[in-house]
């Protein structure tokens, strides 16, 4: 199957880039937020307020570029998919991480502090 390498196809609403990049960033963000919270006791909002935004932006740029380079070379996620580390599992994990990150932020906002203390 031939994969389009045109910018508008890669970044289309139903294209491979948006959900792949957002899912990978959400997985990184959720694990990082919970890990720092366990290690330091700071909630998500205080993590962002004390230097987390530049780290997030740097990570977002790096992961986004690393994710789109293969797409522009015509490599699909499905072609690199294996039995355990499948593209479907990555998509599902990314969607759960998006929900988890929003739930973490909302819970900590309503609670007024870290979820894990």
Protein backbone atom coordinates (compact mmCIF):
# COMPACT_ATOMS: atom_id res chain seq x y z
CA UNK A 1 0.00 0.00 0.00
CA UNK A 2 1.38 3.38 -1.02
CA UNK A 3 1.33 6.05 1.70
CA UNK A 4 0.98 9.70 0.72
CA UNK A 5 3.83 11.97 1.75
CA UNK A 6 2.06 15.22 0.94
CA UNK A 7 1.93 17.70 3.83
CA UNK A 8 -1.85 18.13 3.63
CA UNK A 9 -2.38 14.34 3.68
CA UNK A 10 -0.01 13.70 6.59
CA UNK A 11 -1.53 16.50 8.70
CA UNK A 12 -5.15 16.06 7.59
CA UNK A 13 -7.75 15.60 10.33
CA UNK A 14 -7.90 11.87 9.54
CA UNK A 15 -4.22 11.71 8.57
CA UNK A 16 -1.55 9.82 10.51
CA UNK A 17 0.20 12.76 12.18
CA UNK A 18 -2.36 14.43 14.49
CA UNK A 19 -3.45 11.45 16.57
CA UNK A 20 0.00 9.84 16.54
CA UNK A 21 1.74 12.98 17.78
CA UNK A 22 -0.97 13.88 20.30
CA UNK A 23 -1.04 10.32 21.64
CA UNK A 24 2.73 10.14 22.05
CA UNK A 25 2.83 13.53 23.76
CA UNK A 26 -0.03 12.52 26.07
CA UNK A 27 1.76 9.29 27.02
CA UNK A 28 4.95 11.21 27.80
CA UNK A 29 3.04 13.92 29.67
CA UNK A 30 1.00 11.52 31.80
CA UNK A 31 3.96 9.37 32.82
CA UNK A 32 6.10 12.46 33.49
CA UNK A 33 3.40 14.21 35.52
CA UNK A 34 2.70 11.18 37.69
CA UNK A 35 6.40 10.37 38.07
CA UNK A 36 7.31 13.89 39.21
CA UNK A 37 4.27 13.92 41.48
CA UNK A 38 5.36 10.68 43.16
CA UNK A 39 8.97 11.87 43.48
CA UNK A 40 8.33 15.44 44.67
CA UNK A 41 4.71 15.63 45.83
CA UNK A 42 3.96 18.56 43.46
CA UNK A 43 0.74 18.58 41.49
CA UNK A 44 0.54 19.06 37.71
CA UNK A 45 -0.12 22.80 37.90
CA UNK A 46 2.83 23.51 40.20
CA UNK A 47 5.03 21.39 37.94
CA UNK A 48 4.07 23.59 35.00
CA UNK A 49 4.47 26.80 37.03
CA UNK A 50 8.00 25.92 38.13
CA UNK A 51 9.70 25.38 34.79
CA UNK A 52 7.60 22.66 33.21
CA UNK A 53 6.47 24.66 30.18
CA UNK A 54 9.91 24.93 28.50
CA UNK A 55 10.52 21.23 29.13
CA UNK A 56 7.12 20.41 27.65
CA UNK A 57 7.73 22.58 24.58
CA UNK A 58 11.16 21.06 23.99
CA UNK A 59 9.79 17.54 24.33
CA UNK A 60 6.82 18.36 22.09
CA UNK A 61 9.02 19.71 19.32
CA UNK A 62 11.46 16.80 19.53
CA UNK A 63 8.73 14.12 19.54
CA UNK A 64 6.74 15.85 16.79
CA UNK A 65 9.73 16.07 14.45
CA UNK A 66 10.77 12.50 15.25
CA UNK A 67 7.22 11.32 14.52
CA UNK A 68 6.71 13.10 11.18
CA UNK A 69 10.08 12.32 9.57
CA UNK A 70 9.14 8.68 8.84
CA UNK A 71 5.69 9.79 7.66
CA UNK A 72 7.22 12.14 5.09
CA UNK A 73 9.44 9.27 3.93
CA UNK A 74 6.31 7.16 3.25
CA UNK A 75 6.73 4.82 6.22
CA UNK A 76 3.44 3.93 7.90
CA UNK A 77 3.05 2.88 11.53
CA UNK A 78 1.33 -0.27 10.37
CA UNK A 79 4.39 -1.35 8.35
CA UNK A 80 6.52 -1.27 11.53
CA UNK A 81 3.84 -2.83 13.73
CA UNK A 82 4.65 -6.06 15.56
CA UNK A 83 2.51 -8.51 17.48
CA UNK A 84 3.02 -6.99 20.94
CA UNK A 85 4.12 -3.45 20.03
CA UNK A 86 1.35 -2.84 17.51
CA UNK A 87 0.17 0.42 16.02
CA UNK A 88 -3.32 -0.31 17.37
CA UNK A 89 -1.96 -0.68 20.90
CA UNK A 90 -0.06 2.60 20.55
CA UNK A 91 -3.22 4.36 19.39
CA UNK A 92 -5.29 2.93 22.27
CA UNK A 93 -2.60 3.76 24.85
CA UNK A 94 -2.37 7.29 23.47
CA UNK A 95 -6.11 7.78 23.76
CA UNK A 96 -6.12 6.51 27.36
CA UNK A 97 -3.17 8.78 28.17
CA UNK A 98 -5.09 11.78 26.78
CA UNK A 99 -8.04 10.92 29.01
CA UNK A 100 -5.74 10.24 31.97
CA UNK A 101 -3.95 13.56 31.65
CA UNK A 102 -7.23 15.49 31.54
CA UNK A 103 -8.61 13.45 34.46
CA UNK A 104 -5.43 14.07 36.47
CA UNK A 105 -5.57 17.82 35.87
CA UNK A 106 -9.30 18.03 36.65
CA UNK A 107 -9.01 15.89 39.80
CA UNK A 108 -6.08 17.90 41.13
CA UNK A 109 -7.85 21.17 40.36
CA UNK A 110 -11.00 20.09 42.19
CA UNK A 111 -9.02 18.55 45.05
CA UNK A 112 -6.75 21.59 45.34
CA UNK A 113 -3.54 19.58 45.47
CA UNK A 114 -1.72 16.51 44.24
CA UNK A 115 -3.65 13.33 43.59
CA UNK A 116 -0.85 11.14 44.93
CA UNK A 117 0.44 12.40 48.26
